[in-house]
């Protein structure tokens, strides 16, 4: 027995196929449903411990990654960055204190447009990630400071404030040692120990004690 595929028959078949497709999600959709995260975690990729140069009003933009309990990236999560209302800190575009970003396919969120304010000191950026009914929170520690050209280059290159402080102290110690050596080293106006001089003349060189011409 043959069945003619007339227009009404084709329409009915199309309705049946569409109803089956809607009732049964494709395999990739079911796989995503099965892999729904049970827990969120925020990983700080950039910005932790950064020192912002308030002289140039520059700042290290925070970058975080949202992952699940198996450290797999969570795409489509909502991430909110929140700055202090007063004191050291900064602003996001349009002078806002908060910024909401959606994670990309790698679970990353970037706080673009962050600028430091003119107040020196340490501060924290609050970060909150949400996905469905899951929530995760963390803080990013930064500081605003007036940096010299060399210190600013070090901070931009990823050198922490602690390292910059150590280098500054070491430089001061070296300078102090040079001054002490040139001033006698006893702080009481003592005399400088005699130094032998070598006089080179035609013939055999001789070493004479101080005071002899």
N, C-alpha and C. Protein backbone atom coordinates (compact mmCIF):
# COMPACT_ATOMS: atom_id res chain seq x y z
N UNK A 1 0.85 -1.18 0.00
CA UNK A 1 0.00 0.00 0.00
C UNK A 1 0.89 1.24 0.00
N UNK A 2 0.65 2.13 -0.82
CA UNK A 2 1.43 3.36 -0.94
C UNK A 2 0.62 4.53 -0.38
N UNK A 3 1.34 5.47 0.17
CA UNK A 3 0.72 6.66 0.73
C UNK A 3 1.23 7.87 -0.03
N UNK A 4 0.31 8.67 -0.49
CA UNK A 4 0.68 9.86 -1.23
C UNK A 4 1.00 10.98 -0.24
N UNK A 5 2.18 11.62 -0.40
CA UNK A 5 2.60 12.71 0.47
C UNK A 5 2.03 14.01 -0.05
N UNK A 6 0.78 14.17 0.25
CA UNK A 6 0.13 15.41 -0.15
C UNK A 6 0.50 16.52 0.82
N UNK A 7 0.12 17.74 0.51
CA UNK A 7 0.42 18.88 1.36
C UNK A 7 -0.13 18.71 2.77
N UNK A 8 -1.38 18.28 2.96
CA UNK A 8 -1.89 18.08 4.34
C UNK A 8 -1.10 17.04 5.11
N UNK A 9 -0.71 15.96 4.41
CA UNK A 9 0.07 14.90 5.08
C UNK A 9 1.43 15.44 5.51
N UNK A 10 2.10 16.20 4.65
CA UNK A 10 3.40 16.78 4.97
C UNK A 10 3.31 17.73 6.16
N UNK A 11 2.22 18.49 6.21
CA UNK A 11 2.06 19.41 7.33
C UNK A 11 1.91 18.65 8.65
N UNK A 12 1.12 17.56 8.61
CA UNK A 12 0.94 16.77 9.83
C UNK A 12 2.25 16.14 10.28
N UNK A 13 3.04 15.64 9.32
CA UNK A 13 4.34 15.06 9.66
C UNK A 13 5.27 16.10 10.29
N UNK A 14 5.25 17.31 9.74
CA UNK A 14 6.10 18.37 10.27
C UNK A 14 5.71 18.73 11.69
N UNK A 15 4.41 18.75 11.97
CA UNK A 15 3.94 19.04 13.32
C UNK A 15 4.41 17.96 14.29
N UNK A 16 4.34 16.69 13.87
CA UNK A 16 4.77 15.59 14.73
C UNK A 16 6.27 15.69 15.03
N UNK A 17 7.08 15.97 13.98
CA UNK A 17 8.53 16.06 14.17
C UNK A 17 8.89 17.20 15.11
N UNK A 18 8.24 18.34 14.94
CA UNK A 18 8.52 19.48 15.80
C UNK A 18 8.14 19.21 17.25
N UNK A 19 7.02 18.54 17.46
CA UNK A 19 6.60 18.24 18.83
C UNK A 19 7.57 17.30 19.51
N UNK A 20 8.11 16.35 18.76
CA UNK A 20 9.10 15.42 19.34
C UNK A 20 10.37 16.16 19.69
N UNK A 21 10.80 17.08 18.80
CA UNK A 21 12.03 17.83 19.05
C UNK A 21 11.90 18.70 20.27
N UNK A 22 10.74 19.32 20.48
CA UNK A 22 10.55 20.18 21.64
C UNK A 22 10.48 19.36 22.91
N UNK A 23 9.82 18.23 22.86
CA UNK A 23 9.66 17.40 24.05
C UNK A 23 10.96 16.75 24.48
N UNK A 24 11.87 16.49 23.53
CA UNK A 24 13.13 15.81 23.84
C UNK A 24 14.29 16.72 23.46
N UNK A 25 14.96 17.38 24.42
CA UNK A 25 16.08 18.26 24.11
C UNK A 25 17.21 17.50 23.44
N UNK A 26 18.00 18.18 22.62
CA UNK A 26 19.14 17.51 21.97
C UNK A 26 20.16 17.04 22.99
N UNK A 27 21.08 16.20 22.52
CA UNK A 27 22.06 15.60 23.42
C UNK A 27 22.94 16.65 24.08
N UNK A 28 23.37 17.70 23.33
CA UNK A 28 24.26 18.69 23.92
C UNK A 28 23.56 19.47 25.03
N UNK A 29 22.24 19.69 24.85
CA UNK A 29 21.50 20.41 25.89
C UNK A 29 21.36 19.54 27.13
N UNK A 30 21.11 18.25 26.94
CA UNK A 30 20.99 17.36 28.09
C UNK A 30 22.32 17.22 28.81
N UNK A 31 23.42 17.23 28.05
CA UNK A 31 24.75 17.14 28.67
C UNK A 31 25.02 18.36 29.53
N UNK A 32 24.62 19.56 29.06
CA UNK A 32 24.81 20.77 29.84
C UNK A 32 23.97 20.73 31.12
N UNK A 33 22.74 20.21 31.01
CA UNK A 33 21.90 20.11 32.19
C UNK A 33 22.50 19.17 33.22
N UNK A 34 23.07 18.07 32.75
CA UNK A 34 23.67 17.10 33.67
C UNK A 34 24.94 17.65 34.31
N UNK A 35 25.67 18.57 33.59
CA UNK A 35 26.93 19.09 34.09
C UNK A 35 26.75 20.39 34.85
N UNK A 36 25.55 20.72 35.27
CA UNK A 36 25.32 21.95 36.01
C UNK A 36 26.16 21.96 37.28
N UNK A 37 26.86 23.07 37.56
CA UNK A 37 27.74 23.11 38.74
C UNK A 37 26.96 23.00 40.04
N UNK A 38 27.60 22.42 41.04
CA UNK A 38 27.02 22.31 42.37
C UNK A 38 27.62 23.34 43.33
N UNK A 39 28.73 23.93 42.93
CA UNK A 39 29.41 24.89 43.78
C UNK A 39 30.21 25.85 42.90
N UNK A 40 30.32 27.12 43.34
CA UNK A 40 31.10 28.12 42.62
C UNK A 40 32.35 28.49 43.42
N UNK A 41 33.40 28.85 42.67
CA UNK A 41 34.63 29.33 43.29
C UNK A 41 35.19 30.44 42.40
N UNK A 42 35.72 31.49 43.03
CA UNK A 42 36.30 32.61 42.29
C UNK A 42 37.82 32.54 42.39
N UNK A 43 38.47 32.52 41.25
CA UNK A 43 39.94 32.50 41.18
C UNK A 43 40.40 33.87 40.70
N UNK A 44 41.27 34.53 41.46
CA UNK A 44 41.79 35.84 41.08
C UNK A 44 42.96 35.65 40.12
N UNK A 45 42.83 36.16 38.91
CA UNK A 45 43.89 36.03 37.91
C UNK A 45 44.79 37.25 37.85
N UNK A 46 44.23 38.44 38.00
CA UNK A 46 45.01 39.68 37.95
C UNK A 46 44.46 40.66 38.99
N UNK A 47 45.38 41.47 39.55
CA UNK A 47 44.97 42.56 40.43
C UNK A 47 45.27 42.37 41.89
N UNK A 48 45.51 41.15 42.36
CA UNK A 48 45.77 40.92 43.77
C UNK A 48 47.14 41.50 44.14
N UNK A 49 47.18 42.36 45.18
CA UNK A 49 48.44 42.94 45.63
C UNK A 49 48.97 44.06 44.75
N UNK A 50 48.18 44.53 43.79
CA UNK A 50 48.64 45.58 42.88
C UNK A 50 48.76 46.91 43.60
N UNK A 51 49.75 47.73 43.19
CA UNK A 51 49.92 49.08 43.70
C UNK A 51 49.62 50.04 42.57
N UNK A 52 48.59 50.86 42.73
CA UNK A 52 48.16 51.78 41.69
C UNK A 52 48.84 53.13 41.86
N UNK A 53 49.31 53.68 40.75
CA UNK A 53 50.01 54.96 40.76
C UNK A 53 48.99 56.10 40.70
N UNK A 54 48.77 56.77 41.83
CA UNK A 54 47.76 57.84 41.83
C UNK A 54 48.27 59.09 41.13
N UNK A 55 49.58 59.14 40.88
CA UNK A 55 50.12 60.28 40.15
C UNK A 55 49.61 60.27 38.72
N UNK A 56 49.53 59.09 38.15
CA UNK A 56 49.06 58.96 36.77
C UNK A 56 47.61 58.48 36.71
N UNK A 57 47.00 58.26 37.87
CA UNK A 57 45.61 57.77 37.95
C UNK A 57 45.44 56.45 37.19
N UNK A 58 46.48 55.63 37.21
CA UNK A 58 46.41 54.33 36.57
C UNK A 58 46.13 53.25 37.61
N UNK A 59 45.62 52.12 37.17
CA UNK A 59 45.29 51.03 38.09
C UNK A 59 45.35 49.70 37.35
N UNK A 60 45.57 48.64 38.11
CA UNK A 60 45.57 47.29 37.56
C UNK A 60 44.14 46.78 37.54
N UNK A 61 43.63 46.49 36.35
CA UNK A 61 42.25 46.02 36.22
C UNK A 61 42.12 44.60 36.79
N UNK A 62 41.19 44.39 37.71
CA UNK A 62 41.00 43.04 38.26
C UNK A 62 40.44 42.08 37.21
N UNK A 63 40.95 40.86 37.22
CA UNK A 63 40.45 39.79 36.35
C UNK A 63 40.23 38.55 37.21
N UNK A 64 39.06 37.98 37.15
CA UNK A 64 38.76 36.77 37.91
C UNK A 64 38.21 35.70 36.97
N UNK A 65 38.24 34.48 37.47
CA UNK A 65 37.66 33.34 36.75
C UNK A 65 36.73 32.59 37.70
N UNK A 66 35.55 32.29 37.22
CA UNK A 66 34.57 31.54 38.00
C UNK A 66 34.62 30.08 37.56
N UNK A 67 34.81 29.18 38.52
CA UNK A 67 34.90 27.75 38.23
C UNK A 67 33.94 26.99 39.14
N UNK A 68 33.69 25.73 38.78
CA UNK A 68 32.81 24.89 39.60
C UNK A 68 33.62 24.07 40.59
N UNK A 69 32.96 23.08 41.19
CA UNK A 69 33.63 22.27 42.21
C UNK A 69 34.75 21.41 41.64
N UNK A 70 34.76 21.22 40.32
CA UNK A 70 35.81 20.45 39.66
C UNK A 70 36.80 21.36 38.91
N UNK A 71 36.80 22.66 39.25
CA UNK A 71 37.66 23.66 38.63
C UNK A 71 37.42 23.82 37.13
N UNK A 72 36.19 23.53 36.69
CA UNK A 72 35.83 23.76 35.29
C UNK A 72 35.22 25.16 35.16
N UNK A 73 35.58 25.90 34.09
CA UNK A 73 35.06 27.26 33.91
C UNK A 73 33.54 27.27 33.84
N UNK A 74 32.95 28.30 34.44
CA UNK A 74 31.49 28.47 34.41
C UNK A 74 31.20 29.69 33.55
N UNK A 75 30.67 29.45 32.36
CA UNK A 75 30.30 30.53 31.45
C UNK A 75 28.91 31.05 31.79
N UNK A 76 28.71 32.35 31.57
CA UNK A 76 27.40 32.93 31.81
C UNK A 76 27.11 33.29 33.24
N UNK A 77 28.12 33.21 34.12
CA UNK A 77 27.91 33.62 35.52
C UNK A 77 27.96 35.15 35.61
N UNK A 78 27.25 35.71 36.56
CA UNK A 78 27.22 37.15 36.78
C UNK A 78 28.21 37.50 37.88
N UNK A 79 29.13 38.42 37.57
CA UNK A 79 30.16 38.82 38.52
C UNK A 79 30.02 40.31 38.81
N UNK A 80 29.95 40.68 40.09
CA UNK A 80 29.86 42.08 40.49
C UNK A 80 31.13 42.48 41.24
N UNK A 81 31.77 43.57 40.78
CA UNK A 81 32.93 44.16 41.45
C UNK A 81 32.43 45.39 42.21
N UNK A 82 32.78 45.48 43.49
CA UNK A 82 32.30 46.58 44.34
C UNK A 82 33.48 47.27 45.00
N UNK A 83 33.59 48.61 44.80
CA UNK A 83 34.67 49.41 45.36
C UNK A 83 34.22 50.10 46.65
N UNK A 84 35.18 50.52 47.50
CA UNK A 84 34.81 51.23 48.72
C UNK A 84 34.09 52.54 48.40
N UNK A 85 33.17 52.93 49.26
CA UNK A 85 32.43 54.17 49.07
C UNK A 85 33.26 55.40 49.40
N UNK A 86 34.28 55.25 50.25
CA UNK A 86 35.12 56.38 50.61
C UNK A 86 36.53 55.88 50.90
N UNK A 87 37.47 56.84 51.01
CA UNK A 87 38.85 56.48 51.27
C UNK A 87 39.57 56.01 50.03
N UNK A 88 40.72 55.36 50.21
CA UNK A 88 41.47 54.85 49.05
C UNK A 88 40.61 53.88 48.24
N UNK A 89 40.76 53.92 46.94
CA UNK A 89 39.97 53.06 46.06
C UNK A 89 40.00 53.60 44.64
N UNK A 90 38.84 53.76 44.05
CA UNK A 90 38.77 54.26 42.68
C UNK A 90 37.34 54.22 42.17
N UNK A 91 37.23 54.26 40.86
CA UNK A 91 35.91 54.25 40.23
C UNK A 91 35.95 53.41 38.96
N UNK A 92 34.77 52.99 38.55
CA UNK A 92 34.59 52.34 37.27
C UNK A 92 34.06 53.39 36.29
N UNK A 93 33.82 53.03 35.03
CA UNK A 93 33.32 54.03 34.08
C UNK A 93 32.10 54.79 34.60
N UNK A 94 32.04 56.07 34.25
CA UNK A 94 30.97 56.98 34.66
C UNK A 94 30.95 57.24 36.16
N UNK A 95 32.10 57.01 36.82
CA UNK A 95 32.20 57.28 38.24
C UNK A 95 31.50 56.27 39.12
N UNK A 96 31.13 55.12 38.59
CA UNK A 96 30.39 54.12 39.36
C UNK A 96 31.31 53.41 40.35
N UNK A 97 30.72 52.99 41.47
CA UNK A 97 31.45 52.22 42.48
C UNK A 97 31.29 50.72 42.28
N UNK A 98 30.40 50.31 41.41
CA UNK A 98 30.18 48.89 41.15
C UNK A 98 30.15 48.63 39.65
N UNK A 99 30.48 47.40 39.29
CA UNK A 99 30.49 46.99 37.89
C UNK A 99 30.03 45.54 37.81
N UNK A 100 29.10 45.26 36.90
CA UNK A 100 28.57 43.90 36.72
C UNK A 100 29.03 43.38 35.36
N UNK A 101 29.64 42.18 35.38
CA UNK A 101 30.18 41.57 34.17
C UNK A 101 29.71 40.13 34.09
N UNK A 102 29.49 39.63 32.87
CA UNK A 102 29.13 38.23 32.64
C UNK A 102 30.36 37.47 32.18
N UNK A 103 30.60 36.31 32.76
CA UNK A 103 31.79 35.53 32.40
C UNK A 103 31.69 35.01 30.97
N UNK A 104 32.86 34.92 30.31
CA UNK A 104 32.91 34.43 28.94
C UNK A 104 32.97 32.91 28.93
N UNK A 105 33.30 32.34 27.77
CA UNK A 105 33.33 30.88 27.65
C UNK A 105 34.39 30.24 28.53
N UNK A 106 35.40 31.03 28.94
CA UNK A 106 36.44 30.51 29.82
C UNK A 106 36.17 30.83 31.29
N UNK A 107 34.99 31.37 31.56
CA UNK A 107 34.63 31.69 32.93
C UNK A 107 35.29 32.96 33.45
N UNK A 108 35.87 33.78 32.56
CA UNK A 108 36.61 34.97 32.98
C UNK A 108 35.73 36.21 32.96
N UNK A 109 36.03 37.13 33.90
CA UNK A 109 35.36 38.43 33.97
C UNK A 109 36.41 39.49 34.26
N UNK A 110 36.39 40.57 33.48
CA UNK A 110 37.38 41.65 33.61
C UNK A 110 36.67 42.93 34.05
N UNK A 111 37.21 43.58 35.08
CA UNK A 111 36.66 44.85 35.55
C UNK A 111 37.28 45.98 34.73
N UNK A 112 36.81 46.16 33.50
CA UNK A 112 37.40 47.15 32.60
C UNK A 112 37.05 48.57 33.05
N UNK A 113 38.00 49.47 32.81
CA UNK A 113 37.76 50.88 33.11
C UNK A 113 38.01 51.26 34.55
N UNK A 114 38.62 50.41 35.35
CA UNK A 114 38.89 50.75 36.74
C UNK A 114 40.01 51.78 36.82
N UNK A 115 39.78 52.88 37.57
CA UNK A 115 40.77 53.93 37.76
C UNK A 115 40.93 54.23 39.23
N UNK A 116 42.18 54.42 39.65
CA UNK A 116 42.45 54.72 41.06
C UNK A 116 42.08 56.17 41.36
N UNK A 117 41.69 56.43 42.62
CA UNK A 117 41.44 57.81 43.02
C UNK A 117 42.71 58.42 43.59
N UNK A 118 42.62 59.62 44.17
CA UNK A 118 43.80 60.36 44.61
C UNK A 118 44.17 60.12 46.06
N UNK A 119 43.56 59.16 46.73
CA UNK A 119 43.84 58.91 48.14
C UNK A 119 44.75 57.70 48.30
N UNK A 120 45.82 57.86 49.07
CA UNK A 120 46.78 56.79 49.27
C UNK A 120 46.32 55.84 50.37
N UNK A 121 46.75 54.59 50.26
CA UNK A 121 46.42 53.60 51.28
C UNK A 121 45.92 52.30 50.67
N UNK A 122 45.71 51.31 51.55
CA UNK A 122 45.23 50.01 51.13
C UNK A 122 43.71 49.98 51.06
N UNK A 123 43.18 49.12 50.20
CA UNK A 123 41.73 48.95 50.12
C UNK A 123 41.41 47.58 49.54
N UNK A 124 40.14 47.21 49.58
CA UNK A 124 39.69 45.91 49.07
C UNK A 124 38.59 46.11 48.04
N UNK A 125 38.63 45.27 47.01
CA UNK A 125 37.57 45.22 46.00
C UNK A 125 36.75 43.96 46.29
N UNK A 126 35.48 44.13 46.61
CA UNK A 126 34.61 42.99 46.88
C UNK A 126 34.14 42.39 45.56
N UNK A 127 34.18 41.06 45.46
CA UNK A 127 33.77 40.36 44.24
C UNK A 127 32.73 39.31 44.60
N UNK A 128 31.63 39.31 43.88
CA UNK A 128 30.57 38.31 44.10
C UNK A 128 30.14 37.72 42.77
N UNK A 129 30.12 36.40 42.70
CA UNK A 129 29.70 35.68 41.49
C UNK A 129 28.43 34.90 41.79
N UNK A 130 27.49 34.95 40.86
CA UNK A 130 26.24 34.20 40.99
C UNK A 130 25.96 33.43 39.71
N UNK A 131 25.44 32.25 39.87
CA UNK A 131 25.03 31.41 38.73
C UNK A 131 23.87 30.54 39.20
N UNK A 132 22.69 30.80 38.61
CA UNK A 132 21.47 30.13 39.07
C UNK A 132 21.28 30.42 40.56
N UNK A 133 21.27 29.39 41.39
CA UNK A 133 21.08 29.63 42.82
C UNK A 133 22.38 29.52 43.60
N UNK A 134 23.53 29.57 42.90
CA UNK A 134 24.84 29.46 43.54
C UNK A 134 25.48 30.83 43.68
N UNK A 135 26.21 31.02 44.78
CA UNK A 135 26.87 32.30 45.05
C UNK A 135 28.27 32.03 45.59
N UNK A 136 29.25 32.85 45.16
CA UNK A 136 30.61 32.79 45.68
C UNK A 136 31.12 34.21 45.87
N UNK A 137 31.97 34.42 46.87
CA UNK A 137 32.49 35.75 47.17
C UNK A 137 33.98 35.68 47.47
N UNK A 138 34.66 36.79 47.19
CA UNK A 138 36.08 36.92 47.53
C UNK A 138 36.44 38.40 47.55
N UNK A 139 37.67 38.72 47.94
CA UNK A 139 38.14 40.10 47.96
C UNK A 139 39.49 40.20 47.25
N UNK A 140 39.72 41.32 46.59
CA UNK A 140 40.98 41.61 45.92
C UNK A 140 41.64 42.76 46.66
N UNK A 141 42.85 42.55 47.15
CA UNK A 141 43.58 43.56 47.93
C UNK A 141 44.48 44.38 47.01
N UNK A 142 44.33 45.70 47.08
CA UNK A 142 45.18 46.61 46.32
C UNK A 142 45.56 47.79 47.19
N UNK A 143 46.39 48.69 46.64
CA UNK A 143 46.79 49.90 47.37
C UNK A 143 47.04 51.01 46.37
N UNK A 144 46.78 52.24 46.79
CA UNK A 144 47.10 53.44 46.02
C UNK A 144 48.33 54.09 46.64
N UNK A 145 49.27 54.52 45.79
CA UNK A 145 50.49 55.14 46.29
C UNK A 145 51.03 56.12 45.26
N UNK A 146 51.85 57.06 45.76
CA UNK A 146 52.56 57.98 44.87
C UNK A 146 53.88 57.32 44.53
N UNK A 147 54.04 56.88 43.30
CA UNK A 147 55.21 56.11 42.89
C UNK A 147 56.14 56.97 42.05
N UNK A 148 57.45 56.73 42.25
CA UNK A 148 58.44 57.34 41.37
C UNK A 148 58.43 56.60 40.04
N UNK A 149 59.20 57.11 39.09
CA UNK A 149 59.21 56.48 37.77
C UNK A 149 59.70 55.04 37.85
N UNK A 150 60.77 54.80 38.64
CA UNK A 150 61.30 53.44 38.74
C UNK A 150 60.35 52.51 39.46
N UNK A 151 59.74 53.00 40.55
CA UNK A 151 58.80 52.17 41.30
C UNK A 151 57.57 51.89 40.49
N UNK A 152 57.11 52.90 39.71
CA UNK A 152 55.94 52.69 38.87
C UNK A 152 56.20 51.64 37.82
N UNK A 153 57.42 51.66 37.25
CA UNK A 153 57.77 50.64 36.24
C UNK A 153 57.80 49.26 36.87
N UNK A 154 58.32 49.18 38.12
CA UNK A 154 58.35 47.90 38.81
C UNK A 154 56.96 47.39 39.11
N UNK A 155 56.07 48.28 39.55
CA UNK A 155 54.69 47.88 39.86
C UNK A 155 53.98 47.43 38.60
N UNK A 156 54.22 48.15 37.49
CA UNK A 156 53.59 47.76 36.23
C UNK A 156 54.09 46.42 35.75
N UNK A 157 55.35 46.09 36.11
CA UNK A 157 55.91 44.82 35.68
C UNK A 157 55.56 43.68 36.60
N UNK A 158 54.77 43.93 37.64
CA UNK A 158 54.32 42.84 38.50
C UNK A 158 55.09 42.72 39.79
N UNK A 159 56.01 43.70 40.09
CA UNK A 159 56.74 43.65 41.35
C UNK A 159 55.82 44.13 42.46
N UNK A 160 55.74 43.40 43.55
CA UNK A 160 54.83 43.75 44.63
C UNK A 160 55.37 44.93 45.42
N UNK A 161 54.47 45.56 46.19
CA UNK A 161 54.86 46.69 47.01
C UNK A 161 55.90 46.31 48.05
N UNK A 162 55.84 45.08 48.58
CA UNK A 162 56.81 44.64 49.56
C UNK A 162 58.21 44.61 48.97
N UNK A 163 58.33 44.12 47.72
CA UNK A 163 59.64 44.06 47.07
C UNK A 163 60.16 45.46 46.83
N UNK A 164 59.27 46.39 46.39
CA UNK A 164 59.69 47.77 46.14
C UNK A 164 60.20 48.39 47.44
N UNK A 165 59.50 48.14 48.55
CA UNK A 165 59.93 48.69 49.84
C UNK A 165 61.29 48.14 50.24
N UNK A 166 61.52 46.84 50.03
CA UNK A 166 62.81 46.23 50.36
C UNK A 166 63.92 46.85 49.55
N UNK A 167 63.67 47.05 48.25
CA UNK A 167 64.68 47.66 47.39
C UNK A 167 64.99 49.08 47.85
N UNK A 168 63.96 49.82 48.26
CA UNK A 168 64.18 51.19 48.72
C UNK A 168 65.01 51.21 49.99
N UNK A 169 64.73 50.29 50.92
CA UNK A 169 65.49 50.22 52.17
C UNK A 169 66.93 49.83 51.89
N UNK A 170 67.13 48.87 50.98
CA UNK A 170 68.48 48.43 50.63
C UNK A 170 69.26 49.58 50.01
N UNK A 171 68.60 50.37 49.14
CA UNK A 171 69.27 51.50 48.53
C UNK A 171 69.68 52.53 49.56
N UNK A 172 68.80 52.78 50.54
CA UNK A 172 69.13 53.73 51.60
C UNK A 172 70.30 53.23 52.44
N UNK A 173 70.35 51.92 52.70
CA UNK A 173 71.43 51.36 53.49
C UNK A 173 72.77 51.50 52.78
N UNK A 174 72.78 51.26 51.47
CA UNK A 174 74.00 51.40 50.69
C UNK A 174 74.48 52.83 50.71
N UNK A 175 73.53 53.78 50.52
CA UNK A 175 73.88 55.19 50.55
C UNK A 175 74.46 55.58 51.91
N UNK A 176 73.85 55.08 52.99
CA UNK A 176 74.36 55.38 54.32
C UNK A 176 75.75 54.83 54.54
N UNK A 177 76.04 53.65 54.00
CA UNK A 177 77.37 53.07 54.14
C UNK A 177 78.42 53.88 53.42
N UNK A 178 78.07 54.40 52.26
CA UNK A 178 79.02 55.23 51.51
C UNK A 178 79.33 56.50 52.28
N UNK A 179 78.26 57.15 52.85
CA UNK A 179 78.47 58.38 53.61
C UNK A 179 79.34 58.11 54.83
N UNK A 180 79.08 57.00 55.54
CA UNK A 180 79.87 56.67 56.73
C UNK A 180 81.32 56.44 56.38
N UNK A 181 81.56 55.77 55.24
CA UNK A 181 82.93 55.48 54.84
C UNK A 181 83.69 56.75 54.51
N UNK A 182 83.03 57.69 53.87
CA UNK A 182 83.70 58.93 53.47
C UNK A 182 83.87 59.89 54.63
N UNK A 183 83.06 59.73 55.71
CA UNK A 183 83.15 60.65 56.85
C UNK A 183 83.95 60.08 58.01
N UNK A 184 84.52 58.92 57.85
CA UNK A 184 85.36 58.35 58.90
C UNK A 184 84.73 57.20 59.60
N UNK A 185 83.38 57.12 59.63
CA UNK A 185 82.70 55.97 60.15
C UNK A 185 82.51 55.96 61.64
N UNK A 186 83.09 56.92 62.42
CA UNK A 186 82.91 56.87 63.86
C UNK A 186 81.93 57.90 64.36
N UNK A 187 81.42 58.78 63.51
CA UNK A 187 80.39 59.73 63.91
C UNK A 187 80.86 60.77 64.89
N UNK A 188 82.12 60.74 65.31
CA UNK A 188 82.60 61.69 66.31
C UNK A 188 83.65 62.61 65.77
N UNK A 189 83.76 62.72 64.48
CA UNK A 189 84.75 63.61 63.88
C UNK A 189 86.14 63.06 63.96
N UNK A 190 86.28 61.72 64.08
CA UNK A 190 87.59 61.10 64.17
C UNK A 190 88.36 61.25 62.88
N UNK A 191 89.64 60.94 62.96
CA UNK A 191 90.50 61.06 61.77
C UNK A 191 90.36 59.84 60.91
N UNK A 192 90.58 60.05 59.65
CA UNK A 192 90.53 58.94 58.70
C UNK A 192 91.82 58.15 58.78
N UNK A 193 91.76 56.82 58.85
CA UNK A 193 92.98 56.01 58.94
C UNK A 193 93.91 56.33 57.78
N UNK A 194 95.20 56.36 58.06
CA UNK A 194 96.16 56.67 56.98
C UNK A 194 96.10 55.63 55.88
N UNK A 195 96.28 56.11 54.69
CA UNK A 195 96.25 55.25 53.51
C UNK A 195 97.59 55.35 52.81
N UNK A 196 98.19 54.23 52.53
CA UNK A 196 99.46 54.23 51.80
C UNK A 196 99.25 54.66 50.37
N UNK A 197 100.20 55.42 49.87
CA UNK A 197 100.12 55.87 48.50
C UNK A 197 101.22 55.22 47.69
N UNK A 198 100.94 54.92 46.49
CA UNK A 198 101.93 54.35 45.58
C UNK A 198 102.35 55.41 44.59
N UNK A 199 103.64 55.72 44.58
CA UNK A 199 104.18 56.72 43.66
C UNK A 199 104.94 56.00 42.57
N UNK A 200 104.55 56.24 41.35
CA UNK A 200 105.20 55.60 40.22
C UNK A 200 106.16 56.60 39.58
N UNK A 201 107.43 56.24 39.59
CA UNK A 201 108.45 57.08 38.96
C UNK A 201 109.27 56.21 38.02
N UNK A 202 109.93 56.82 37.13
CA UNK A 202 110.79 56.00 36.25
C UNK A 202 111.74 55.18 37.08
N UNK A 203 111.76 53.95 36.83
CA UNK A 203 112.60 53.05 37.59
C UNK A 203 111.74 52.11 38.41
N UNK A 204 112.16 51.84 39.63
CA UNK A 204 111.45 50.91 40.50
C UNK A 204 110.41 51.65 41.31
N UNK A 205 109.09 51.24 41.31
CA UNK A 205 108.07 51.91 42.10
C UNK A 205 108.32 51.70 43.58
N UNK A 206 107.99 52.71 44.39
CA UNK A 206 108.19 52.60 45.84
C UNK A 206 106.90 52.96 46.54
N UNK A 207 106.70 52.44 47.75
CA UNK A 207 105.53 52.73 48.58
C UNK A 207 105.99 53.55 49.76
N UNK A 208 105.41 54.72 49.95
CA UNK A 208 105.80 55.61 51.03
C UNK A 208 104.63 55.79 51.98
N UNK A 209 104.87 55.99 53.26
CA UNK A 209 103.80 56.24 54.23
C UNK A 209 103.20 57.61 54.03
N UNK A 210 102.01 57.87 54.58
CA UNK A 210 101.34 59.16 54.43
C UNK A 210 102.21 60.27 55.03
N UNK A 211 102.08 61.44 54.42
CA UNK A 211 102.80 62.61 54.90
C UNK A 211 104.07 62.87 54.15
N UNK A 212 104.66 61.84 53.50
CA UNK A 212 105.87 62.05 52.70
C UNK A 212 105.51 62.50 51.32
N UNK A 213 106.10 63.47 50.77
CA UNK A 213 105.78 63.94 49.43
C UNK A 213 106.21 62.94 48.37
